[in-house]
Structures are given as C-alpha cells and as structure tokens.
C-alpha cells in the first residue's frame, strides 16, 4: 500500500489537499521529494519557529518512518 493511500484513509480529502499544497510549496525543484533545506525554509515560511536541531529531528523521523514502512512520498 502506498503511503498516499494510508494518508487518504486517515485524513479527509480537504486535509490531504492541504498537505499536498504544503508539500508542493516546499518542493521548489519539483523533484517529488524535499531536501533538508527545503523543509527548513518551508517551515519558516509557514511561521514555524523550530530550532535547527528540531528540524533535523523532524527530517530524520520522517525519513526513518518512510524507510521502515518502505513507502514513497508521492501523491
């Protein structure tokens, strides 16, 4: 099962659309993935005040989750 299917089961269509928009806004190179710098910049633009180490932890947590579930981040 693709992770997009898992997300679709847990969230409403409106919530999924919101996540897609946030992801697409951060994926400035349109690669279908987000680099650490894109995540950091995107979170800052959204008003996040996470410290550098918190952004790193978030990136590592998402990476670990996706790797452990053998999922690709695609909608």
PDB file of N, CA and C in Angstrom:
ATOM      1  N   UNK A   1       0.842  -1.180   0.000  1.00  0.00           N
ATOM      2  CA  UNK A   1       0.000   0.000   0.000  1.00  0.00           C
ATOM      3  C   UNK A   1       0.885   1.240   0.000  1.00  0.00           C
ATOM      4  N   UNK A   2       0.627   2.149  -0.892  1.00  0.00           N
ATOM      5  CA  UNK A   2       1.386   3.400  -0.941  1.00  0.00           C
ATOM      6  C   UNK A   2       1.024   4.267   0.252  1.00  0.00           C
ATOM      7  N   UNK A   3       1.996   5.080   0.674  1.00  0.00           N
ATOM      8  CA  UNK A   3       1.715   5.930   1.833  1.00  0.00           C
ATOM      9  C   UNK A   3       0.614   6.926   1.544  1.00  0.00           C
ATOM     10  N   UNK A   4       0.448   7.297   0.281  1.00  0.00           N
ATOM     11  CA  UNK A   4      -0.642   8.221  -0.048  1.00  0.00           C
ATOM     12  C   UNK A   4      -1.989   7.575   0.250  1.00  0.00           C
ATOM     13  N   UNK A   5      -2.076   6.243   0.092  1.00  0.00           N
ATOM     14  CA  UNK A   5      -3.309   5.535   0.423  1.00  0.00           C
ATOM     15  C   UNK A   5      -3.525   5.520   1.936  1.00  0.00           C
ATOM     16  N   UNK A   6      -2.429   5.346   2.688  1.00  0.00           N
ATOM     17  CA  UNK A   6      -2.520   5.360   4.146  1.00  0.00           C
ATOM     18  C   UNK A   6      -2.998   6.721   4.611  1.00  0.00           C
ATOM     19  N   UNK A   7      -2.415   7.781   4.059  1.00  0.00           N
ATOM     20  CA  UNK A   7      -2.822   9.137   4.427  1.00  0.00           C
ATOM     21  C   UNK A   7      -4.283   9.361   4.073  1.00  0.00           C
ATOM     22  N   UNK A   8      -4.693   8.913   2.906  1.00  0.00           N
ATOM     23  CA  UNK A   8      -6.072   9.114   2.464  1.00  0.00           C
ATOM     24  C   UNK A   8      -7.064   8.433   3.397  1.00  0.00           C
ATOM     25  N   UNK A   9      -6.669   7.326   3.994  1.00  0.00           N
ATOM     26  CA  UNK A   9      -7.557   6.623   4.916  1.00  0.00           C
ATOM     27  C   UNK A   9      -7.674   7.349   6.249  1.00  0.00           C
ATOM     28  N   UNK A  10      -6.656   8.092   6.632  1.00  0.00           N
ATOM     29  CA  UNK A  10      -6.626   8.742   7.937  1.00  0.00           C
ATOM     30  C   UNK A  10      -7.156  10.167   7.922  1.00  0.00           C
ATOM     31  N   UNK A  11      -7.100  10.820   6.780  1.00  0.00           N
ATOM     32  CA  UNK A  11      -7.452  12.232   6.680  1.00  0.00           C
ATOM     33  C   UNK A  11      -8.597  12.441   5.709  1.00  0.00           C
ATOM     34  N   UNK A  12      -9.268  13.562   5.870  1.00  0.00           N
ATOM     35  CA  UNK A  12     -10.320  13.926   4.918  1.00  0.00           C
ATOM     36  C   UNK A  12      -9.682  14.378   3.609  1.00  0.00           C
ATOM     37  N   UNK A  13     -10.456  14.445   2.560  1.00  0.00           N
ATOM     38  CA  UNK A  13      -9.963  14.911   1.266  1.00  0.00           C
ATOM     39  C   UNK A  13      -9.405  16.314   1.350  1.00  0.00           C
ATOM     40  N   UNK A  14     -10.058  17.155   2.133  1.00  0.00           N
ATOM     41  CA  UNK A  14      -9.595  18.533   2.303  1.00  0.00           C
ATOM     42  C   UNK A  14      -8.237  18.569   3.014  1.00  0.00           C
ATOM     43  N   UNK A  15      -8.062  17.705   4.010  1.00  0.00           N
ATOM     44  CA  UNK A  15      -6.777  17.653   4.727  1.00  0.00           C
ATOM     45  C   UNK A  15      -5.659  17.135   3.820  1.00  0.00           C
ATOM     46  N   UNK A  16      -5.965  16.131   3.009  1.00  0.00           N
ATOM     47  CA  UNK A  16      -4.977  15.599   2.065  1.00  0.00           C
ATOM     48  C   UNK A  16      -4.586  16.680   1.065  1.00  0.00           C
ATOM     49  N   UNK A  17      -5.564  17.415   0.556  1.00  0.00           N
ATOM     50  CA  UNK A  17      -5.277  18.504  -0.386  1.00  0.00           C
ATOM     51  C   UNK A  17      -4.391  19.557   0.266  1.00  0.00           C
ATOM     52  N   UNK A  18      -4.646  19.853   1.528  1.00  0.00           N
ATOM     53  CA  UNK A  18      -3.821  20.812   2.255  1.00  0.00           C
ATOM     54  C   UNK A  18      -2.387  20.343   2.372  1.00  0.00           C
ATOM     55  N   UNK A  19      -2.197  19.051   2.686  1.00  0.00           N
ATOM     56  CA  UNK A  19      -0.841  18.503   2.777  1.00  0.00           C
ATOM     57  C   UNK A  19      -0.134  18.531   1.421  1.00  0.00           C
ATOM     58  N   UNK A  20      -0.873  18.217   0.373  1.00  0.00           N
ATOM     59  CA  UNK A  20      -0.299  18.270  -0.977  1.00  0.00           C
ATOM     60  C   UNK A  20       0.186  19.679  -1.294  1.00  0.00           C
ATOM     61  N   UNK A  21      -0.625  20.666  -0.960  1.00  0.00           N
ATOM     62  CA  UNK A  21      -0.250  22.053  -1.236  1.00  0.00           C
ATOM     63  C   UNK A  21       0.991  22.460  -0.444  1.00  0.00           C
ATOM     64  N   UNK A  22       1.049  22.062   0.812  1.00  0.00           N
ATOM     65  CA  UNK A  22       2.224  22.375   1.637  1.00  0.00           C
ATOM     66  C   UNK A  22       3.457  21.694   1.060  1.00  0.00           C
ATOM     67  N   UNK A  23       3.337  20.408   0.747  1.00  0.00           N
ATOM     68  CA  UNK A  23       4.461  19.664   0.178  1.00  0.00           C
ATOM     69  C   UNK A  23       4.921  20.295  -1.129  1.00  0.00           C
ATOM     70  N   UNK A  24       3.981  20.574  -2.027  1.00  0.00           N
ATOM     71  CA  UNK A  24       4.340  21.156  -3.322  1.00  0.00           C
ATOM     72  C   UNK A  24       4.986  22.532  -3.160  1.00  0.00           C
ATOM     73  N   UNK A  25       4.543  23.286  -2.168  1.00  0.00           N
ATOM     74  CA  UNK A  25       5.142  24.585  -1.908  1.00  0.00           C
ATOM     75  C   UNK A  25       6.582  24.478  -1.414  1.00  0.00           C
ATOM     76  N   UNK A  26       6.886  23.402  -0.692  1.00  0.00           N
ATOM     77  CA  UNK A  26       8.246  23.202  -0.187  1.00  0.00           C
ATOM     78  C   UNK A  26       9.160  22.558  -1.227  1.00  0.00           C
ATOM     79  N   UNK A  27       8.589  21.785  -2.131  1.00  0.00           N
ATOM     80  CA  UNK A  27       9.360  21.081  -3.160  1.00  0.00           C
ATOM     81  C   UNK A  27       9.655  22.039  -4.317  1.00  0.00           C
ATOM     82  N   UNK A  28      10.542  22.990  -4.060  1.00  0.00           N
ATOM     83  CA  UNK A  28      10.781  24.065  -5.028  1.00  0.00           C
ATOM     84  C   UNK A  28      11.417  23.583  -6.328  1.00  0.00           C
ATOM     85  N   UNK A  29      12.084  22.434  -6.302  1.00  0.00           N
ATOM     86  CA  UNK A  29      12.698  21.906  -7.521  1.00  0.00           C
ATOM     87  C   UNK A  29      11.800  20.892  -8.229  1.00  0.00           C
ATOM     88  N   UNK A  30      10.586  20.689  -7.685  1.00  0.00           N
ATOM     89  CA  UNK A  30       9.617  19.759  -8.273  1.00  0.00           C
ATOM     90  C   UNK A  30      10.196  18.369  -8.511  1.00  0.00           C
ATOM     91  N   UNK A  31      10.935  17.869  -7.515  1.00  0.00           N
ATOM     92  CA  UNK A  31      11.558  16.548  -7.607  1.00  0.00           C
ATOM     93  C   UNK A  31      10.678  15.447  -7.037  1.00  0.00           C
ATOM     94  N   UNK A  32       9.643  15.827  -6.303  1.00  0.00           N
ATOM     95  CA  UNK A  32       8.833  14.825  -5.635  1.00  0.00           C
ATOM     96  C   UNK A  32       9.386  14.445  -4.273  1.00  0.00           C
ATOM     97  N   UNK A  33      10.396  15.183  -3.840  1.00  0.00           N
ATOM     98  CA  UNK A  33      10.979  14.983  -2.520  1.00  0.00           C
ATOM     99  C   UNK A  33      11.406  16.338  -1.981  1.00  0.00           C
ATOM    100  N   UNK A  34      11.623  16.376  -0.678  1.00  0.00           N
ATOM    101  CA  UNK A  34      12.005  17.628  -0.034  1.00  0.00           C
ATOM    102  C   UNK A  34      13.351  17.446   0.641  1.00  0.00           C
ATOM    103  N   UNK A  35      14.279  18.332   0.340  1.00  0.00           N
ATOM    104  CA  UNK A  35      15.585  18.312   0.994  1.00  0.00           C
ATOM    105  C   UNK A  35      15.466  18.936   2.380  1.00  0.00           C
ATOM    106  N   UNK A  36      16.487  18.769   3.172  1.00  0.00           N
ATOM    107  CA  UNK A  36      16.529  19.378   4.497  1.00  0.00           C
ATOM    108  C   UNK A  36      16.343  20.892   4.388  1.00  0.00           C
ATOM    109  N   UNK A  37      17.061  21.518   3.467  1.00  0.00           N
ATOM    110  CA  UNK A  37      16.976  22.976   3.308  1.00  0.00           C
ATOM    111  C   UNK A  37      15.576  23.407   2.870  1.00  0.00           C
ATOM    112  N   UNK A  38      14.948  22.644   1.968  1.00  0.00           N
ATOM    113  CA  UNK A  38      13.590  22.971   1.542  1.00  0.00           C
ATOM    114  C   UNK A  38      12.614  22.847   2.707  1.00  0.00           C
ATOM    115  N   UNK A  39      12.788  21.813   3.531  1.00  0.00           N
ATOM    116  CA  UNK A  39      11.934  21.648   4.701  1.00  0.00           C
ATOM    117  C   UNK A  39      12.114  22.805   5.665  1.00  0.00           C
ATOM    118  N   UNK A  40      13.361  23.140   5.941  1.00  0.00           N
ATOM    119  CA  UNK A  40      13.663  24.227   6.877  1.00  0.00           C
ATOM    120  C   UNK A  40      13.080  25.556   6.383  1.00  0.00           C
ATOM    121  N   UNK A  41      13.289  25.851   5.119  1.00  0.00           N
ATOM    122  CA  UNK A  41      12.767  27.088   4.526  1.00  0.00           C
ATOM    123  C   UNK A  41      11.243  27.083   4.506  1.00  0.00           C
ATOM    124  N   UNK A  42      10.655  25.949   4.118  1.00  0.00           N
ATOM    125  CA  UNK A  42       9.202  25.846   4.053  1.00  0.00           C
ATOM    126  C   UNK A  42       8.546  26.001   5.413  1.00  0.00           C
ATOM    127  N   UNK A  43       9.132  25.390   6.435  1.00  0.00           N
ATOM    128  CA  UNK A  43       8.593  25.522   7.789  1.00  0.00           C
ATOM    129  C   UNK A  43       8.679  26.967   8.266  1.00  0.00           C
ATOM    130  N   UNK A  44       9.790  27.619   7.955  1.00  0.00           N
ATOM    131  CA  UNK A  44       9.947  29.023   8.340  1.00  0.00           C
ATOM    132  C   UNK A  44       8.878  29.893   7.671  1.00  0.00           C
ATOM    133  N   UNK A  45       8.617  29.642   6.388  1.00  0.00           N
ATOM    134  CA  UNK A  45       7.596  30.405   5.663  1.00  0.00           C
ATOM    135  C   UNK A  45       6.208  30.183   6.244  1.00  0.00           C
ATOM    136  N   UNK A  46       5.999  29.003   6.850  1.00  0.00           N
ATOM    137  CA  UNK A  46       4.706  28.698   7.462  1.00  0.00           C
ATOM    138  C   UNK A  46       4.597  29.244   8.879  1.00  0.00           C
ATOM    139  N   UNK A  47       5.671  29.908   9.336  1.00  0.00           N
ATOM    140  CA  UNK A  47       5.642  30.514  10.662  1.00  0.00           C
ATOM    141  C   UNK A  47       6.225  29.656  11.760  1.00  0.00           C
ATOM    142  N   UNK A  48       6.808  28.536  11.391  1.00  0.00           N
ATOM    143  CA  UNK A  48       7.413  27.652  12.387  1.00  0.00           C
ATOM    144  C   UNK A  48       8.642  28.307  12.991  1.00  0.00           C
ATOM    145  N   UNK A  49       8.807  28.106  14.276  1.00  0.00           N
ATOM    146  CA  UNK A  49       9.988  28.635  14.962  1.00  0.00           C
ATOM    147  C   UNK A  49      10.811  27.488  15.536  1.00  0.00           C
ATOM    148  N   UNK A  50      10.817  26.351  14.830  1.00  0.00           N
ATOM    149  CA  UNK A  50      11.606  25.209  15.278  1.00  0.00           C
ATOM    150  C   UNK A  50      13.088  25.548  15.237  1.00  0.00           C
ATOM    151  N   UNK A  51      13.798  25.064  16.236  1.00  0.00           N
ATOM    152  CA  UNK A  51      15.252  25.226  16.264  1.00  0.00           C
ATOM    153  C   UNK A  51      15.866  24.297  15.224  1.00  0.00           C
ATOM    154  N   UNK A  52      17.093  24.599  14.838  1.00  0.00           N
ATOM    155  CA  UNK A  52      17.816  23.807  13.829  1.00  0.00           C
ATOM    156  C   UNK A  52      17.793  22.315  14.173  1.00  0.00           C
ATOM    157  N   UNK A  53      18.081  21.984  15.428  1.00  0.00           N
ATOM    158  CA  UNK A  53      18.117  20.570  15.817  1.00  0.00           C
ATOM    159  C   UNK A  53      16.724  19.927  15.752  1.00  0.00           C
ATOM    160  N   UNK A  54      15.667  20.707  15.972  1.00  0.00           N
ATOM    161  CA  UNK A  54      14.306  20.179  15.877  1.00  0.00           C
ATOM    162  C   UNK A  54      13.921  19.891  14.428  1.00  0.00           C
ATOM    163  N   UNK A  55      14.347  20.735  13.525  1.00  0.00           N
ATOM    164  CA  UNK A  55      14.102  20.494  12.094  1.00  0.00           C
ATOM    165  C   UNK A  55      14.841  19.235  11.670  1.00  0.00           C
ATOM    166  N   UNK A  56      16.075  19.079  12.132  1.00  0.00           N
ATOM    167  CA  UNK A  56      16.864  17.888  11.820  1.00  0.00           C
ATOM    168  C   UNK A  56      16.182  16.630  12.366  1.00  0.00           C
ATOM    169  N   UNK A  57      15.683  16.711  13.589  1.00  0.00           N
ATOM    170  CA  UNK A  57      14.989  15.569  14.186  1.00  0.00           C
ATOM    171  C   UNK A  57      13.729  15.224  13.406  1.00  0.00           C
ATOM    172  N   UNK A  58      13.004  16.238  12.960  1.00  0.00           N
ATOM    173  CA  UNK A  58      11.805  16.019  12.160  1.00  0.00           C
ATOM    174  C   UNK A  58      12.157  15.321  10.850  1.00  0.00           C
ATOM    175  N   UNK A  59      13.198  15.804  10.186  1.00  0.00           N
ATOM    176  CA  UNK A  59      13.635  15.209   8.927  1.00  0.00           C
ATOM    177  C   UNK A  59      14.038  13.745   9.136  1.00  0.00           C
ATOM    178  N   UNK A  60      14.781  13.478  10.204  1.00  0.00           N
ATOM    179  CA  UNK A  60      15.220  12.116  10.498  1.00  0.00           C
ATOM    180  C   UNK A  60      14.037  11.212  10.840  1.00  0.00           C
ATOM    181  N   UNK A  61      13.080  11.736  11.589  1.00  0.00           N
ATOM    182  CA  UNK A  61      11.915  10.942  11.966  1.00  0.00           C
ATOM    183  C   UNK A  61      11.089  10.559  10.745  1.00  0.00           C
ATOM    184  N   UNK A  62      10.861  11.521   9.862  1.00  0.00           N
ATOM    185  CA  UNK A  62      10.093  11.233   8.650  1.00  0.00           C
ATOM    186  C   UNK A  62      10.848  10.250   7.770  1.00  0.00           C
ATOM    187  N   UNK A  63      12.151  10.454   7.627  1.00  0.00           N
ATOM    188  CA  UNK A  63      12.966   9.557   6.813  1.00  0.00           C
ATOM    189  C   UNK A  63      12.941   8.141   7.371  1.00  0.00           C
ATOM    190  N   UNK A  64      13.078   8.017   8.682  1.00  0.00           N
ATOM    191  CA  UNK A  64      13.051   6.702   9.326  1.00  0.00           C
ATOM    192  C   UNK A  64      11.705   6.036   9.138  1.00  0.00           C
ATOM    193  N   UNK A  65      10.633   6.805   9.322  1.00  0.00           N
ATOM    194  CA  UNK A  65       9.289   6.255   9.146  1.00  0.00           C
ATOM    195  C   UNK A  65       9.088   5.751   7.724  1.00  0.00           C
ATOM    196  N   UNK A  66       9.439   6.583   6.758  1.00  0.00           N
ATOM    197  CA  UNK A  66       9.237   6.193   5.358  1.00  0.00           C
ATOM    198  C   UNK A  66      10.088   4.988   4.994  1.00  0.00           C
ATOM    199  N   UNK A  67      11.320   4.942   5.484  1.00  0.00           N
ATOM    200  CA  UNK A  67      12.206   3.816   5.197  1.00  0.00           C
ATOM    201  C   UNK A  67      11.687   2.548   5.848  1.00  0.00           C
ATOM    202  N   UNK A  68      11.261   2.656   7.102  1.00  0.00           N
ATOM    203  CA  UNK A  68      10.796   1.476   7.815  1.00  0.00           C
ATOM    204  C   UNK A  68       9.512   0.914   7.224  1.00  0.00           C
ATOM    205  N   UNK A  69       8.738   1.753   6.610  1.00  0.00           N
ATOM    206  CA  UNK A  69       7.475   1.306   6.012  1.00  0.00           C
ATOM    207  C   UNK A  69       7.618   1.033   4.519  1.00  0.00           C
ATOM    208  N   UNK A  70       8.822   1.234   3.976  1.00  0.00           N
ATOM    209  CA  UNK A  70       9.082   1.067   2.545  1.00  0.00           C
ATOM    210  C   UNK A  70       8.071   1.831   1.710  1.00  0.00           C
ATOM    211  N   UNK A  71       7.869   3.073   2.088  1.00  0.00           N
ATOM    212  CA  UNK A  71       6.891   3.906   1.398  1.00  0.00           C
ATOM    213  C   UNK A  71       7.579   5.027   0.645  1.00  0.00           C
ATOM    214  N   UNK A  72       6.989   5.426  -0.423  1.00  0.00           N
ATOM    215  CA  UNK A  72       7.477   6.564  -1.191  1.00  0.00           C
ATOM    216  C   UNK A  72       6.549   7.731  -0.939  1.00  0.00           C
ATOM    217  N   UNK A  73       7.116   8.918  -0.868  1.00  0.00           N
ATOM    218  CA  UNK A  73       6.294  10.104  -0.635  1.00  0.00           C
ATOM    219  C   UNK A  73       5.842  10.646  -1.977  1.00  0.00           C
ATOM    220  N   UNK A  74       4.699  10.152  -2.422  1.00  0.00           N
ATOM    221  CA  UNK A  74       4.144  10.645  -3.682  1.00  0.00           C
ATOM    222  C   UNK A  74       2.631  10.659  -3.548  1.00  0.00           C
ATOM    223  N   UNK A  75       2.019  11.626  -4.193  1.00  0.00           N
ATOM    224  CA  UNK A  75       0.565  11.728  -4.137  1.00  0.00           C
ATOM    225  C   UNK A  75      -0.005  11.383  -5.475  1.00  0.00           C
TER     226      UNK A  75
END
